[in-house]
Amino acid sequence: MSAVTIRNLSEETHRALKVRAAKHGRSMEAELRAILESAVRPKTRLGTALAEFGREMGGVELPTNRDDSPLEPATFE
């Protein structure tokens, strides 16, 4: 596991992190890990979210192109 050091953190931010960690029943270090994890690794990837949205909207049939001929634009009705 890697380690990160954060310097020059304001007292206000430090206090707010302590409060937030206490609300979640975690140590400040665990709270910081959770914050960083959610910021850089979203739970849902964009492609997955778009596919789910498409299914919720009833799906969309898109033409496939097996040769190099141009395709007609998709229509969404």
N, C-alpha and C. Protein backbone atom coordinates (compact mmCIF):
# COMPACT_ATOMS: atom_id res chain seq x y z
N MET A 1 0.84 -1.19 0.00
CA MET A 1 0.00 0.00 0.00
C MET A 1 0.88 1.24 0.00
N SER A 2 0.42 2.24 -0.66
CA SER A 2 1.13 3.52 -0.72
C SER A 2 0.69 4.42 0.42
N ALA A 3 1.52 5.39 0.72
CA ALA A 3 1.20 6.38 1.75
C ALA A 3 1.25 7.76 1.13
N VAL A 4 0.42 8.66 1.65
CA VAL A 4 0.36 10.03 1.17
C VAL A 4 0.44 10.95 2.38
N THR A 5 1.21 12.01 2.26
CA THR A 5 1.29 13.02 3.30
C THR A 5 0.65 14.30 2.78
N ILE A 6 -0.21 14.89 3.58
CA ILE A 6 -0.86 16.14 3.19
C ILE A 6 -0.33 17.24 4.10
N ARG A 7 0.32 18.21 3.50
CA ARG A 7 0.88 19.32 4.26
C ARG A 7 0.01 20.55 4.12
N ASN A 8 0.17 21.46 5.06
CA ASN A 8 -0.49 22.77 5.03
C ASN A 8 -2.01 22.68 5.00
N LEU A 9 -2.55 21.72 5.72
CA LEU A 9 -3.99 21.59 5.84
C LEU A 9 -4.47 22.60 6.88
N SER A 10 -5.45 23.39 6.53
CA SER A 10 -5.92 24.42 7.46
C SER A 10 -6.56 23.77 8.69
N GLU A 11 -6.55 24.48 9.79
CA GLU A 11 -7.17 23.99 11.03
C GLU A 11 -8.66 23.75 10.83
N GLU A 12 -9.31 24.63 10.06
CA GLU A 12 -10.75 24.48 9.80
C GLU A 12 -11.04 23.18 9.07
N THR A 13 -10.22 22.89 8.05
CA THR A 13 -10.41 21.66 7.28
C THR A 13 -10.12 20.45 8.16
N HIS A 14 -9.08 20.52 8.96
CA HIS A 14 -8.74 19.43 9.86
C HIS A 14 -9.89 19.15 10.83
N ARG A 15 -10.45 20.20 11.40
CA ARG A 15 -11.58 20.05 12.32
C ARG A 15 -12.79 19.45 11.61
N ALA A 16 -13.07 19.94 10.39
CA ALA A 16 -14.22 19.44 9.63
C ALA A 16 -14.04 17.96 9.30
N LEU A 17 -12.82 17.55 8.98
CA LEU A 17 -12.56 16.14 8.71
C LEU A 17 -12.78 15.28 9.96
N LYS A 18 -12.35 15.78 11.11
CA LYS A 18 -12.56 15.06 12.37
C LYS A 18 -14.04 14.88 12.65
N VAL A 19 -14.82 15.93 12.42
CA VAL A 19 -16.27 15.87 12.65
C VAL A 19 -16.91 14.89 11.68
N ARG A 20 -16.53 14.98 10.42
CA ARG A 20 -17.09 14.09 9.39
C ARG A 20 -16.76 12.63 9.70
N ALA A 21 -15.52 12.38 10.09
CA ALA A 21 -15.11 11.02 10.44
C ALA A 21 -15.92 10.50 11.61
N ALA A 22 -16.11 11.33 12.62
CA ALA A 22 -16.89 10.92 13.80
C ALA A 22 -18.33 10.60 13.41
N LYS A 23 -18.92 11.39 12.51
CA LYS A 23 -20.29 11.15 12.06
C LYS A 23 -20.42 9.78 11.40
N HIS A 24 -19.35 9.38 10.68
CA HIS A 24 -19.36 8.10 9.97
C HIS A 24 -18.78 6.97 10.80
N GLY A 25 -18.38 7.26 12.04
CA GLY A 25 -17.84 6.22 12.90
C GLY A 25 -16.50 5.68 12.44
N ARG A 26 -15.69 6.55 11.82
CA ARG A 26 -14.39 6.13 11.29
C ARG A 26 -13.29 7.00 11.87
N SER A 27 -12.09 6.51 11.74
CA SER A 27 -10.93 7.33 12.08
C SER A 27 -10.78 8.39 10.99
N MET A 28 -10.01 9.41 11.29
CA MET A 28 -9.80 10.45 10.27
C MET A 28 -9.08 9.87 9.06
N GLU A 29 -8.16 8.97 9.29
CA GLU A 29 -7.43 8.33 8.18
C GLU A 29 -8.38 7.52 7.31
N ALA A 30 -9.27 6.76 7.93
CA ALA A 30 -10.25 5.98 7.16
C ALA A 30 -11.20 6.89 6.40
N GLU A 31 -11.57 8.01 7.01
CA GLU A 31 -12.45 8.98 6.34
C GLU A 31 -11.77 9.57 5.12
N LEU A 32 -10.50 9.92 5.25
CA LEU A 32 -9.75 10.46 4.12
C LEU A 32 -9.64 9.43 3.00
N ARG A 33 -9.42 8.17 3.35
CA ARG A 33 -9.36 7.12 2.33
C ARG A 33 -10.69 7.02 1.60
N ALA A 34 -11.78 7.07 2.34
CA ALA A 34 -13.11 6.98 1.72
C ALA A 34 -13.37 8.17 0.79
N ILE A 35 -12.99 9.36 1.23
CA ILE A 35 -13.18 10.56 0.41
C ILE A 35 -12.37 10.46 -0.88
N LEU A 36 -11.11 10.08 -0.77
CA LEU A 36 -10.25 9.96 -1.95
C LEU A 36 -10.75 8.86 -2.88
N GLU A 37 -11.14 7.74 -2.32
CA GLU A 37 -11.64 6.62 -3.13
C GLU A 37 -12.86 7.04 -3.94
N SER A 38 -13.81 7.71 -3.30
CA SER A 38 -15.03 8.11 -4.01
C SER A 38 -14.75 9.21 -5.04
N ALA A 39 -13.72 10.00 -4.80
CA ALA A 39 -13.41 11.09 -5.75
C ALA A 39 -12.76 10.56 -7.02
N VAL A 40 -11.93 9.55 -6.90
CA VAL A 40 -11.18 9.11 -8.08
C VAL A 40 -11.65 7.79 -8.66
N ARG A 41 -12.50 7.06 -7.93
CA ARG A 41 -13.01 5.79 -8.42
C ARG A 41 -14.52 5.74 -8.22
N PRO A 42 -15.26 6.37 -9.14
CA PRO A 42 -16.71 6.38 -8.98
C PRO A 42 -17.28 4.96 -8.97
N LYS A 43 -18.40 4.78 -8.27
CA LYS A 43 -19.01 3.46 -8.16
C LYS A 43 -19.51 2.95 -9.50
N THR A 44 -20.00 3.86 -10.32
CA THR A 44 -20.55 3.48 -11.62
C THR A 44 -19.72 4.11 -12.72
N ARG A 45 -19.25 3.29 -13.63
CA ARG A 45 -18.51 3.81 -14.78
C ARG A 45 -19.50 4.42 -15.76
N LEU A 46 -19.03 5.38 -16.54
CA LEU A 46 -19.90 6.10 -17.47
C LEU A 46 -20.60 5.16 -18.44
N GLY A 47 -19.86 4.25 -19.04
CA GLY A 47 -20.47 3.32 -20.00
C GLY A 47 -21.55 2.47 -19.37
N THR A 48 -21.31 2.01 -18.16
CA THR A 48 -22.29 1.21 -17.44
C THR A 48 -23.53 2.03 -17.14
N ALA A 49 -23.34 3.28 -16.71
CA ALA A 49 -24.47 4.15 -16.42
C ALA A 49 -25.29 4.43 -17.68
N LEU A 50 -24.61 4.66 -18.80
CA LEU A 50 -25.33 4.92 -20.06
C LEU A 50 -26.10 3.68 -20.52
N ALA A 51 -25.50 2.51 -20.39
CA ALA A 51 -26.19 1.28 -20.78
C ALA A 51 -27.43 1.06 -19.92
N GLU A 52 -27.30 1.31 -18.62
CA GLU A 52 -28.45 1.17 -17.72
C GLU A 52 -29.55 2.16 -18.08
N PHE A 53 -29.16 3.39 -18.39
CA PHE A 53 -30.13 4.41 -18.79
C PHE A 53 -30.86 3.97 -20.06
N GLY A 54 -30.11 3.45 -21.03
CA GLY A 54 -30.73 2.98 -22.27
C GLY A 54 -31.73 1.87 -22.02
N ARG A 55 -31.40 0.93 -21.13
CA ARG A 55 -32.33 -0.15 -20.79
C ARG A 55 -33.59 0.41 -20.14
N GLU A 56 -33.42 1.38 -19.24
CA GLU A 56 -34.58 1.98 -18.57
C GLU A 56 -35.49 2.70 -19.55
N MET A 57 -34.93 3.22 -20.63
CA MET A 57 -35.71 3.94 -21.64
C MET A 57 -36.28 3.01 -22.70
N GLY A 58 -36.12 1.71 -22.51
CA GLY A 58 -36.70 0.76 -23.45
C GLY A 58 -35.72 0.27 -24.50
N GLY A 59 -34.48 0.67 -24.42
CA GLY A 59 -33.47 0.21 -25.36
C GLY A 59 -33.50 0.97 -26.68
N VAL A 60 -32.45 0.83 -27.42
CA VAL A 60 -32.32 1.49 -28.72
C VAL A 60 -31.66 0.52 -29.67
N GLU A 61 -32.24 0.34 -30.83
CA GLU A 61 -31.64 -0.49 -31.86
C GLU A 61 -30.73 0.38 -32.72
N LEU A 62 -29.47 0.08 -32.71
CA LEU A 62 -28.52 0.81 -33.54
C LEU A 62 -28.05 -0.09 -34.66
N PRO A 63 -27.98 0.44 -35.86
CA PRO A 63 -27.53 -0.39 -36.98
C PRO A 63 -26.04 -0.71 -36.85
N THR A 64 -25.68 -1.85 -37.39
CA THR A 64 -24.26 -2.20 -37.43
C THR A 64 -23.77 -2.07 -38.86
N ASN A 65 -22.52 -1.83 -39.01
CA ASN A 65 -21.93 -1.62 -40.32
C ASN A 65 -20.82 -2.65 -40.53
N ARG A 66 -21.09 -3.64 -41.37
CA ARG A 66 -20.10 -4.70 -41.61
C ARG A 66 -19.15 -4.35 -42.74
N ASP A 67 -19.45 -3.31 -43.50
CA ASP A 67 -18.53 -2.88 -44.55
C ASP A 67 -18.21 -1.41 -44.32
N ASP A 68 -17.66 -0.75 -45.28
CA ASP A 68 -17.27 0.66 -45.10
C ASP A 68 -18.32 1.64 -45.58
N SER A 69 -19.53 1.16 -45.90
CA SER A 69 -20.55 2.07 -46.38
C SER A 69 -21.06 2.94 -45.23
N PRO A 70 -21.46 4.18 -45.53
CA PRO A 70 -21.95 5.07 -44.48
C PRO A 70 -23.26 4.56 -43.89
N LEU A 71 -23.46 4.84 -42.62
CA LEU A 71 -24.70 4.46 -41.93
C LEU A 71 -25.65 5.64 -41.88
N GLU A 72 -26.92 5.32 -41.81
CA GLU A 72 -27.91 6.36 -41.58
C GLU A 72 -27.86 6.74 -40.10
N PRO A 73 -28.08 8.02 -39.79
CA PRO A 73 -28.08 8.43 -38.37
C PRO A 73 -29.18 7.70 -37.60
N ALA A 74 -28.93 7.40 -36.35
CA ALA A 74 -29.92 6.78 -35.50
C ALA A 74 -31.05 7.76 -35.20
N THR A 75 -32.26 7.26 -35.08
CA THR A 75 -33.40 8.10 -34.70
C THR A 75 -33.91 7.63 -33.35
N PHE A 76 -34.28 8.57 -32.53
CA PHE A 76 -34.79 8.29 -31.20
C PHE A 76 -36.19 8.84 -31.12
N GLU A 77 -37.15 7.96 -31.13
CA GLU A 77 -38.56 8.39 -31.13
C GLU A 77 -39.22 8.09 -29.83
